[in-house]
Amino acid sequence: MLGILTATLVVGLTGAIIAVLLGAADAKFKVEVDEKELAVRQALPGNNCGGCGYAGCDSLAAAIAKGEAPVSACPVGGDAVASAVAEIMGSEAQVGTKRAAVVLCSGSCEKAVSQYEYVGPKSCVLAQNNPNGGAKVCANGCTGFGDCKNVCPFGAIEIIDGIAVIDKEACKACGKCVAACPKHLIELIPYDAQHVVLCHSHEKGVDVKKACQAGCIGCGLCAKNCPEGAIEVSDFLAHVNYEACTNCGTCKEKCPVKVIT
């Protein structure tokens, strides 16, 4: 009986000592939690897409709480999330321009000329190691193997008739597809933009015509007829100034190759 009582006493004392030591360790090594950081993290959508430039939502929340990132840094959440985060941080949210990604290429299988049959891994990056960066005569044409589609966390990209097509309603402008395209054919433009030059070739018009039926030939008719001066042609390619564009549609009407859409 004495042995049982002794064992019980030893176990009880040992447990008490361990509890005291754990309590002391917890107090010494306790990590202070920033309540604002936790609140910001809960307000963020949680996609962890990296479109904000941080590793994920946790990292962004920490940066916002420390004042290292703006409250509107999340491209996925848009103005609604920015407003919620601003309220948590006690600041005002600056409403930004909603954007969506677009593939600057109209060179579908029907319109783009191919110079050989590609045989190899279906990867845009790996296809770059082949002549002309792929089978199309136009070196700036969409390869169509879907590297952009594979990295899109929102399922906003499909490969249709040999080119990537982005659903702007599903796109959250995270920018992953922009980084994934080895030919730099994807841009983030204002969501409300109604006219864009779907071409990225800087070749002369005569060479563009040989490669694709829907390539910008740099004729300049769009720029000459734009009443707002919102289009300029440089290096044989037309560019739209979205801040100046009023979506009047004149450029689309005047484009002889119908590459503005």
C-alpha atoms as a PDB file:
ATOM      1  CA  MET A   1       0.000   0.000   0.000  1.00  0.00           C
ATOM      2  CA  LEU A   2       2.856   2.338   0.850  1.00  0.00           C
ATOM      3  CA  GLY A   3       4.426   1.616  -2.518  1.00  0.00           C
ATOM      4  CA  ILE A   4       1.235   2.593  -4.338  1.00  0.00           C
ATOM      5  CA  LEU A   5       0.942   5.852  -2.413  1.00  0.00           C
ATOM      6  CA  THR A   6       4.617   6.644  -3.051  1.00  0.00           C
ATOM      7  CA  ALA A   7       4.234   6.016  -6.788  1.00  0.00           C
ATOM      8  CA  THR A   8       1.107   8.158  -6.926  1.00  0.00           C
ATOM      9  CA  LEU A   9       2.863  10.979  -5.109  1.00  0.00           C
ATOM     10  CA  VAL A  10       5.887  10.798  -7.444  1.00  0.00           C
ATOM     11  CA  VAL A  11       3.691  10.844 -10.560  1.00  0.00           C
ATOM     12  CA  GLY A  12       1.675  13.756  -9.199  1.00  0.00           C
ATOM     13  CA  LEU A  13       4.772  15.787  -8.342  1.00  0.00           C
ATOM     14  CA  THR A  14       6.322  15.016 -11.705  1.00  0.00           C
ATOM     15  CA  GLY A  15       3.162  16.163 -13.492  1.00  0.00           C
ATOM     16  CA  ALA A  16       3.057  19.356 -11.455  1.00  0.00           C
ATOM     17  CA  ILE A  17       6.712  20.123 -12.225  1.00  0.00           C
ATOM     18  CA  ILE A  18       6.176  19.494 -15.944  1.00  0.00           C
ATOM     19  CA  ALA A  19       3.095  21.728 -15.941  1.00  0.00           C
ATOM     20  CA  VAL A  20       5.052  24.539 -14.299  1.00  0.00           C
ATOM     21  CA  LEU A  21       7.915  24.153 -16.784  1.00  0.00           C
ATOM     22  CA  LEU A  22       5.538  24.114 -19.775  1.00  0.00           C
ATOM     23  CA  GLY A  23       3.779  27.200 -18.483  1.00  0.00           C
ATOM     24  CA  ALA A  24       7.090  29.015 -18.091  1.00  0.00           C
ATOM     25  CA  ALA A  25       8.204  27.956 -21.577  1.00  0.00           C
ATOM     26  CA  ASP A  26       4.906  29.086 -23.070  1.00  0.00           C
ATOM     27  CA  ALA A  27       5.242  32.480 -21.427  1.00  0.00           C
ATOM     28  CA  LYS A  28       8.871  32.862 -22.567  1.00  0.00           C
ATOM     29  CA  PHE A  29       8.468  31.705 -26.144  1.00  0.00           C
ATOM     30  CA  LYS A  30       4.919  32.887 -26.762  1.00  0.00           C
ATOM     31  CA  VAL A  31       4.450  34.363 -30.231  1.00  0.00           C
ATOM     32  CA  GLU A  32       2.426  37.544 -30.140  1.00  0.00           C
ATOM     33  CA  VAL A  33      -0.521  37.367 -32.520  1.00  0.00           C
ATOM     34  CA  ASP A  34      -1.502  40.508 -34.391  1.00  0.00           C
ATOM     35  CA  GLU A  35      -5.281  40.657 -34.207  1.00  0.00           C
ATOM     36  CA  LYS A  36      -5.419  42.895 -37.278  1.00  0.00           C
ATOM     37  CA  GLU A  37      -3.368  40.384 -39.251  1.00  0.00           C
ATOM     38  CA  LEU A  38      -5.806  37.621 -38.334  1.00  0.00           C
ATOM     39  CA  ALA A  39      -8.768  39.783 -39.286  1.00  0.00           C
ATOM     40  CA  VAL A  40      -7.190  40.743 -42.612  1.00  0.00           C
ATOM     41  CA  ARG A  41      -6.421  37.102 -43.351  1.00  0.00           C
ATOM     42  CA  GLN A  42     -10.066  36.201 -42.800  1.00  0.00           C
ATOM     43  CA  ALA A  43     -11.149  38.991 -45.149  1.00  0.00           C
ATOM     44  CA  LEU A  44      -8.904  37.798 -47.975  1.00  0.00           C
ATOM     45  CA  PRO A  45     -10.425  35.270 -50.418  1.00  0.00           C
ATOM     46  CA  GLY A  46      -7.901  32.521 -49.637  1.00  0.00           C
ATOM     47  CA  ASN A  47      -6.987  31.547 -53.193  1.00  0.00           C
ATOM     48  CA  ASN A  48      -3.246  31.787 -52.468  1.00  0.00           C
ATOM     49  CA  CYS A  49      -2.721  32.570 -56.155  1.00  0.00           C
ATOM     50  CA  GLY A  50       0.283  34.834 -55.638  1.00  0.00           C
ATOM     51  CA  GLY A  51      -1.175  37.534 -57.864  1.00  0.00           C
ATOM     52  CA  CYS A  52      -0.460  40.118 -55.182  1.00  0.00           C
ATOM     53  CA  GLY A  53       3.263  39.408 -55.379  1.00  0.00           C
ATOM     54  CA  TYR A  54       3.378  37.545 -52.068  1.00  0.00           C
ATOM     55  CA  ALA A  55       3.658  33.818 -51.439  1.00  0.00           C
ATOM     56  CA  GLY A  56       0.027  33.544 -50.413  1.00  0.00           C
ATOM     57  CA  CYS A  57      -2.791  35.110 -48.430  1.00  0.00           C
ATOM     58  CA  ASP A  58      -0.996  34.600 -45.109  1.00  0.00           C
ATOM     59  CA  SER A  59       2.042  36.514 -46.316  1.00  0.00           C
ATOM     60  CA  LEU A  60      -0.094  39.289 -47.779  1.00  0.00           C
ATOM     61  CA  ALA A  61      -2.110  39.625 -44.566  1.00  0.00           C
ATOM     62  CA  ALA A  62       1.104  39.989 -42.571  1.00  0.00           C
ATOM     63  CA  ALA A  63       2.411  42.613 -45.005  1.00  0.00           C
ATOM     64  CA  ILE A  64      -0.821  44.617 -44.883  1.00  0.00           C
ATOM     65  CA  ALA A  65      -0.905  44.489 -41.092  1.00  0.00           C
ATOM     66  CA  LYS A  66       2.677  45.828 -40.988  1.00  0.00           C
ATOM     67  CA  GLY A  67       1.891  48.573 -43.468  1.00  0.00           C
ATOM     68  CA  GLU A  68       4.180  47.042 -46.089  1.00  0.00           C
ATOM     69  CA  ALA A  69       1.379  46.435 -48.614  1.00  0.00           C
ATOM     70  CA  PRO A  70      -1.683  48.516 -49.526  1.00  0.00           C
ATOM     71  CA  VAL A  71      -5.132  47.402 -48.413  1.00  0.00           C
ATOM     72  CA  SER A  72      -6.064  46.962 -52.082  1.00  0.00           C
ATOM     73  CA  ALA A  73      -3.162  44.610 -52.846  1.00  0.00           C
ATOM     74  CA  CYS A  74      -5.385  41.566 -53.505  1.00  0.00           C
ATOM     75  CA  PRO A  75      -6.286  41.476 -57.223  1.00  0.00           C
ATOM     76  CA  VAL A  76      -8.746  38.646 -56.731  1.00  0.00           C
ATOM     77  CA  GLY A  77     -10.883  40.264 -54.056  1.00  0.00           C
ATOM     78  CA  GLY A  78     -11.273  43.540 -55.899  1.00  0.00           C
ATOM     79  CA  ASP A  79     -12.911  46.590 -54.373  1.00  0.00           C
ATOM     80  CA  ALA A  80     -15.108  44.589 -51.984  1.00  0.00           C
ATOM     81  CA  VAL A  81     -12.161  42.948 -50.225  1.00  0.00           C
ATOM     82  CA  ALA A  82     -10.148  46.170 -50.344  1.00  0.00           C
ATOM     83  CA  SER A  83     -12.957  47.993 -48.544  1.00  0.00           C
ATOM     84  CA  ALA A  84     -13.229  45.271 -45.896  1.00  0.00           C
ATOM     85  CA  VAL A  85      -9.476  45.276 -45.284  1.00  0.00           C
ATOM     86  CA  ALA A  86      -9.412  49.070 -45.174  1.00  0.00           C
ATOM     87  CA  GLU A  87     -12.069  49.056 -42.477  1.00  0.00           C
ATOM     88  CA  ILE A  88      -9.987  46.615 -40.427  1.00  0.00           C
ATOM     89  CA  MET A  89      -6.882  48.740 -40.844  1.00  0.00           C
ATOM     90  CA  GLY A  90      -8.738  51.966 -40.162  1.00  0.00           C
ATOM     91  CA  SER A  91      -7.901  53.520 -43.502  1.00  0.00           C
ATOM     92  CA  GLU A  92      -9.593  54.331 -46.773  1.00  0.00           C
ATOM     93  CA  ALA A  93      -9.522  51.986 -49.736  1.00  0.00           C
ATOM     94  CA  GLN A  94      -8.430  53.429 -53.036  1.00  0.00           C
ATOM     95  CA  VAL A  95     -10.718  52.022 -55.685  1.00  0.00           C
ATOM     96  CA  GLY A  96      -8.591  50.557 -58.446  1.00  0.00           C
ATOM     97  CA  THR A  97      -9.335  49.719 -62.062  1.00  0.00           C
ATOM     98  CA  LYS A  98     -10.731  46.231 -62.452  1.00  0.00           C
ATOM     99  CA  ARG A  99      -8.639  44.298 -64.919  1.00  0.00           C
ATOM    100  CA  ALA A 100      -8.766  41.083 -66.894  1.00  0.00           C
ATOM    101  CA  ALA A 101      -6.201  39.160 -68.892  1.00  0.00           C
ATOM    102  CA  VAL A 102      -6.285  38.959 -72.686  1.00  0.00           C
ATOM    103  CA  VAL A 103      -4.231  36.907 -75.152  1.00  0.00           C
ATOM    104  CA  LEU A 104      -2.822  39.170 -77.867  1.00  0.00           C
ATOM    105  CA  CYS A 105      -3.163  36.699 -80.713  1.00  0.00           C
ATOM    106  CA  SER A 106      -5.837  35.865 -83.281  1.00  0.00           C
ATOM    107  CA  GLY A 107      -3.762  33.238 -85.056  1.00  0.00           C
ATOM    108  CA  SER A 108      -6.122  30.279 -84.872  1.00  0.00           C
ATOM    109  CA  CYS A 109      -5.440  27.052 -86.767  1.00  0.00           C
ATOM    110  CA  GLU A 110      -7.501  28.364 -89.652  1.00  0.00           C
ATOM    111  CA  LYS A 111      -5.811  31.776 -89.879  1.00  0.00           C
ATOM    112  CA  ALA A 112      -2.191  31.077 -88.939  1.00  0.00           C
ATOM    113  CA  VAL A 113       0.171  29.401 -91.394  1.00  0.00           C
ATOM    114  CA  SER A 114       2.144  26.400 -90.111  1.00  0.00           C
ATOM    115  CA  GLN A 115       5.597  25.538 -91.391  1.00  0.00           C
ATOM    116  CA  TYR A 116       5.944  22.028 -89.960  1.00  0.00           C
ATOM    117  CA  GLU A 117       4.190  19.520 -87.728  1.00  0.00           C
ATOM    118  CA  TYR A 118       5.321  19.809 -84.145  1.00  0.00           C
ATOM    119  CA  VAL A 119       6.116  16.523 -82.430  1.00  0.00           C
ATOM    120  CA  GLY A 120       7.090  16.752 -78.797  1.00  0.00           C
ATOM    121  CA  PRO A 121       5.855  17.588 -75.298  1.00  0.00           C
ATOM    122  CA  LYS A 122       2.777  19.783 -75.307  1.00  0.00           C
ATOM    123  CA  SER A 123       4.469  22.643 -73.516  1.00  0.00           C
ATOM    124  CA  CYS A 124       4.771  26.220 -74.731  1.00  0.00           C
ATOM    125  CA  VAL A 125       8.077  26.604 -72.884  1.00  0.00           C
ATOM    126  CA  LEU A 126       9.590  23.450 -74.374  1.00  0.00           C
ATOM    127  CA  ALA A 127       8.296  24.314 -77.833  1.00  0.00           C
ATOM    128  CA  GLN A 128      10.494  27.413 -77.685  1.00  0.00           C
ATOM    129  CA  ASN A 129      13.484  25.132 -78.290  1.00  0.00           C
ATOM    130  CA  ASN A 130      12.148  24.289 -81.746  1.00  0.00           C
ATOM    131  CA  PRO A 131      12.548  26.381 -84.910  1.00  0.00           C
ATOM    132  CA  ASN A 132      10.552  29.609 -84.683  1.00  0.00           C
ATOM    133  CA  GLY A 133       9.396  28.689 -81.199  1.00  0.00           C
ATOM    134  CA  GLY A 134       6.711  26.390 -82.576  1.00  0.00           C
ATOM    135  CA  ALA A 135       5.059  25.249 -85.762  1.00  0.00           C
ATOM    136  CA  LYS A 136       3.520  28.595 -86.718  1.00  0.00           C
ATOM    137  CA  VAL A 137       5.303  30.802 -89.226  1.00  0.00           C
ATOM    138  CA  CYS A 138       4.558  33.742 -86.927  1.00  0.00           C
ATOM    139  CA  ALA A 139       7.134  33.541 -84.155  1.00  0.00           C
ATOM    140  CA  ASN A 140       4.865  35.711 -82.015  1.00  0.00           C
ATOM    141  CA  GLY A 141       1.810  33.499 -82.380  1.00  0.00           C
ATOM    142  CA  CYS A 142       0.204  31.601 -79.503  1.00  0.00           C
ATOM    143  CA  THR A 143       1.689  28.112 -79.322  1.00  0.00           C
ATOM    144  CA  GLY A 144      -1.584  26.778 -77.982  1.00  0.00           C
ATOM    145  CA  PHE A 145      -0.244  24.133 -75.627  1.00  0.00           C
ATOM    146  CA  GLY A 146      -1.849  25.663 -72.567  1.00  0.00           C
ATOM    147  CA  ASP A 147       0.936  26.572 -70.149  1.00  0.00           C
ATOM    148  CA  CYS A 148      -1.254  29.531 -69.201  1.00  0.00           C
ATOM    149  CA  LYS A 149      -4.292  27.304 -68.753  1.00  0.00           C
ATOM    150  CA  ASN A 150      -2.354  24.938 -66.518  1.00  0.00           C
ATOM    151  CA  VAL A 151      -1.417  27.671 -64.035  1.00  0.00           C
ATOM    152  CA  CYS A 152      -4.774  29.490 -63.944  1.00  0.00           C
ATOM    153  CA  PRO A 153      -6.303  28.819 -60.505  1.00  0.00           C
ATOM    154  CA  PHE A 154      -9.739  29.982 -61.647  1.00  0.00           C
ATOM    155  CA  GLY A 155     -10.293  27.879 -64.757  1.00  0.00           C
ATOM    156  CA  ALA A 156     -10.605  31.017 -66.863  1.00  0.00           C
ATOM    157  CA  ILE A 157      -8.563  29.817 -69.838  1.00  0.00           C
ATOM    158  CA  GLU A 158      -9.381  27.353 -72.598  1.00  0.00           C
ATOM    159  CA  ILE A 159      -7.474  26.370 -75.728  1.00  0.00           C
ATOM    160  CA  ILE A 160      -9.805  26.912 -78.666  1.00  0.00           C
ATOM    161  CA  ASP A 161      -8.777  26.281 -82.255  1.00  0.00           C
ATOM    162  CA  GLY A 162      -5.085  26.438 -81.421  1.00  0.00           C
ATOM    163  CA  ILE A 163      -4.986  29.577 -79.275  1.00  0.00           C
ATOM    164  CA  ALA A 164      -5.614  30.396 -75.642  1.00  0.00           C
ATOM    165  CA  VAL A 165      -8.888  32.195 -74.964  1.00  0.00           C
ATOM    166  CA  ILE A 166      -9.599  33.869 -71.630  1.00  0.00           C
ATOM    167  CA  ASP A 167     -13.050  34.206 -70.080  1.00  0.00           C
ATOM    168  CA  LYS A 168     -12.840  37.671 -68.574  1.00  0.00           C
ATOM    169  CA  GLU A 169     -15.818  36.985 -66.326  1.00  0.00           C
ATOM    170  CA  ALA A 170     -13.912  34.144 -64.651  1.00  0.00           C
ATOM    171  CA  CYS A 171     -10.529  35.905 -64.748  1.00  0.00           C
ATOM    172  CA  LYS A 172      -9.404  37.508 -61.475  1.00  0.00           C
ATOM    173  CA  ALA A 173      -6.338  39.259 -62.934  1.00  0.00           C
ATOM    174  CA  CYS A 174      -3.949  37.347 -60.685  1.00  0.00           C
ATOM    175  CA  GLY A 175      -1.277  37.539 -63.384  1.00  0.00           C
ATOM    176  CA  LYS A 176      -0.153  33.908 -63.276  1.00  0.00           C
ATOM    177  CA  CYS A 177      -0.911  33.392 -66.951  1.00  0.00           C
ATOM    178  CA  VAL A 178       1.044  36.541 -67.820  1.00  0.00           C
ATOM    179  CA  ALA A 179       4.133  35.097 -66.151  1.00  0.00           C
ATOM    180  CA  ALA A 180       3.626  31.640 -67.658  1.00  0.00           C
ATOM    181  CA  CYS A 181       3.460  32.686 -71.330  1.00  0.00           C
ATOM    182  CA  PRO A 182       6.981  32.385 -72.803  1.00  0.00           C
ATOM    183  CA  LYS A 183       6.077  34.649 -75.725  1.00  0.00           C
ATOM    184  CA  HIS A 184       4.655  37.418 -73.505  1.00  0.00           C
ATOM    185  CA  LEU A 185       1.338  37.393 -75.353  1.00  0.00           C
ATOM    186  CA  ILE A 186      -0.881  37.950 -72.327  1.00  0.00           C
ATOM    187  CA  GLU A 187      -1.594  41.349 -70.834  1.00  0.00           C
ATOM    188  CA  LEU A 188      -3.822  42.663 -68.082  1.00  0.00           C
ATOM    189  CA  ILE A 189      -6.099  45.344 -69.476  1.00  0.00           C
ATOM    190  CA  PRO A 190      -9.073  47.258 -68.017  1.00  0.00           C
ATOM    191  CA  TYR A 191     -12.086  45.006 -67.621  1.00  0.00           C
ATOM    192  CA  ASP A 192     -14.291  47.567 -69.374  1.00  0.00           C
ATOM    193  CA  ALA A 193     -12.012  47.864 -72.407  1.00  0.00           C
ATOM    194  CA  GLN A 194     -14.021  46.992 -75.509  1.00  0.00           C
ATOM    195  CA  HIS A 195     -11.293  47.269 -78.117  1.00  0.00           C
ATOM    196  CA  VAL A 196      -7.923  45.558 -78.127  1.00  0.00           C
ATOM    197  CA  VAL A 197      -5.406  44.735 -80.848  1.00  0.00           C
ATOM    198  CA  LEU A 198      -5.207  40.944 -80.781  1.00  0.00           C
ATOM    199  CA  CYS A 199      -1.723  40.670 -82.217  1.00  0.00           C
ATOM    200  CA  HIS A 200       1.806  40.856 -80.872  1.00  0.00           C
ATOM    201  CA  SER A 201       3.841  40.694 -84.074  1.00  0.00           C
ATOM    202  CA  HIS A 202       6.388  43.381 -84.835  1.00  0.00           C
ATOM    203  CA  GLU A 203       7.085  42.152 -88.342  1.00  0.00           C
ATOM    204  CA  LYS A 204       6.498  44.270 -91.414  1.00  0.00           C
ATOM    205  CA  GLY A 205       3.051  44.058 -92.974  1.00  0.00           C
ATOM    206  CA  VAL A 206       4.153  41.972 -95.949  1.00  0.00           C
ATOM    207  CA  ASP A 207       5.717  39.368 -93.658  1.00  0.00           C
ATOM    208  CA  VAL A 208       2.695  39.340 -91.341  1.00  0.00           C
ATOM    209  CA  LYS A 209       0.385  38.588 -94.276  1.00  0.00           C
ATOM    210  CA  LYS A 210       2.519  35.591 -95.208  1.00  0.00           C
ATOM    211  CA  ALA A 211       2.240  34.211 -91.687  1.00  0.00           C
ATOM    212  CA  CYS A 212      -1.313  34.980 -90.586  1.00  0.00           C
ATOM    213  CA  GLN A 213      -4.628  36.204 -91.937  1.00  0.00           C
ATOM    214  CA  ALA A 214      -5.368  38.037 -88.679  1.00  0.00           C
ATOM    215  CA  GLY A 215      -2.167  39.875 -87.883  1.00  0.00           C
ATOM    216  CA  CYS A 216      -1.629  43.610 -87.481  1.00  0.00           C
ATOM    217  CA  ILE A 217       0.100  44.942 -90.592  1.00  0.00           C
ATOM    218  CA  GLY A 218       0.958  48.304 -89.042  1.00  0.00           C
ATOM    219  CA  CYS A 219      -0.958  50.264 -91.693  1.00  0.00           C
ATOM    220  CA  GLY A 220      -1.934  52.945 -89.189  1.00  0.00           C
ATOM    221  CA  LEU A 221      -5.525  53.390 -90.359  1.00  0.00           C
ATOM    222  CA  CYS A 222      -6.775  52.837 -86.824  1.00  0.00           C
ATOM    223  CA  ALA A 223      -4.498  55.536 -85.450  1.00  0.00           C
ATOM    224  CA  LYS A 224      -5.247  58.009 -88.250  1.00  0.00           C
ATOM    225  CA  ASN A 225      -9.011  57.696 -87.802  1.00  0.00           C
ATOM    226  CA  CYS A 226      -9.245  57.521 -84.010  1.00  0.00           C
ATOM    227  CA  PRO A 227     -10.995  60.756 -82.924  1.00  0.00           C
ATOM    228  CA  GLU A 228      -9.420  60.608 -79.462  1.00  0.00           C
ATOM    229  CA  GLY A 229      -5.868  59.829 -80.575  1.00  0.00           C
ATOM    230  CA  ALA A 230      -6.035  56.714 -78.417  1.00  0.00           C
ATOM    231  CA  ILE A 231      -4.073  54.480 -80.794  1.00  0.00           C
ATOM    232  CA  GLU A 232      -0.496  54.671 -81.922  1.00  0.00           C
ATOM    233  CA  VAL A 233       1.547  52.407 -84.157  1.00  0.00           C
ATOM    234  CA  SER A 234       5.112  51.653 -83.158  1.00  0.00           C
ATOM    235  CA  ASP A 235       7.423  48.995 -84.532  1.00  0.00           C
ATOM    236  CA  PHE A 236       4.708  47.917 -87.007  1.00  0.00           C
ATOM    237  CA  LEU A 237       2.167  47.171 -84.271  1.00  0.00           C
ATOM    238  CA  ALA A 238      -0.867  49.159 -83.104  1.00  0.00           C
ATOM    239  CA  HIS A 239      -1.388  49.809 -79.394  1.00  0.00           C
ATOM    240  CA  VAL A 240      -4.486  51.118 -77.617  1.00  0.00           C
ATOM    241  CA  ASN A 241      -4.201  53.732 -74.885  1.00  0.00           C
ATOM    242  CA  TYR A 242      -7.034  52.506 -72.671  1.00  0.00           C
ATOM    243  CA  GLU A 243      -7.114  55.676 -70.601  1.00  0.00           C
ATOM    244  CA  ALA A 244      -7.859  57.748 -73.692  1.00  0.00           C
ATOM    245  CA  CYS A 245     -10.076  55.243 -75.504  1.00  0.00           C
ATOM    246  CA  THR A 246     -13.820  55.985 -75.414  1.00  0.00           C
ATOM    247  CA  ASN A 247     -14.830  52.706 -77.094  1.00  0.00           C
ATOM    248  CA  CYS A 248     -16.299  54.503 -80.079  1.00  0.00           C
ATOM    249  CA  GLY A 249     -15.417  51.572 -82.349  1.00  0.00           C
ATOM    250  CA  THR A 250     -13.839  53.581 -85.169  1.00  0.00           C
ATOM    251  CA  CYS A 251     -10.580  51.627 -84.971  1.00  0.00           C
ATOM    252  CA  LYS A 252     -12.418  48.336 -85.318  1.00  0.00           C
ATOM    253  CA  GLU A 253     -14.312  49.589 -88.361  1.00  0.00           C
ATOM    254  CA  LYS A 254     -11.183  50.887 -90.101  1.00  0.00           C
ATOM    255  CA  CYS A 255      -8.920  47.892 -89.423  1.00  0.00           C
ATOM    256  CA  PRO A 256      -8.526  46.111 -92.815  1.00  0.00           C
ATOM    257  CA  VAL A 257      -7.497  42.782 -91.246  1.00  0.00           C
ATOM    258  CA  LYS A 258     -10.102  42.905 -88.475  1.00  0.00           C
ATOM    259  CA  VAL A 259      -7.553  42.287 -85.746  1.00  0.00           C
ATOM    260  CA  ILE A 260      -9.115  44.830 -83.395  1.00  0.00           C
ATOM    261  CA  THR A 261     -11.934  43.314 -81.405  1.00  0.00           C
END
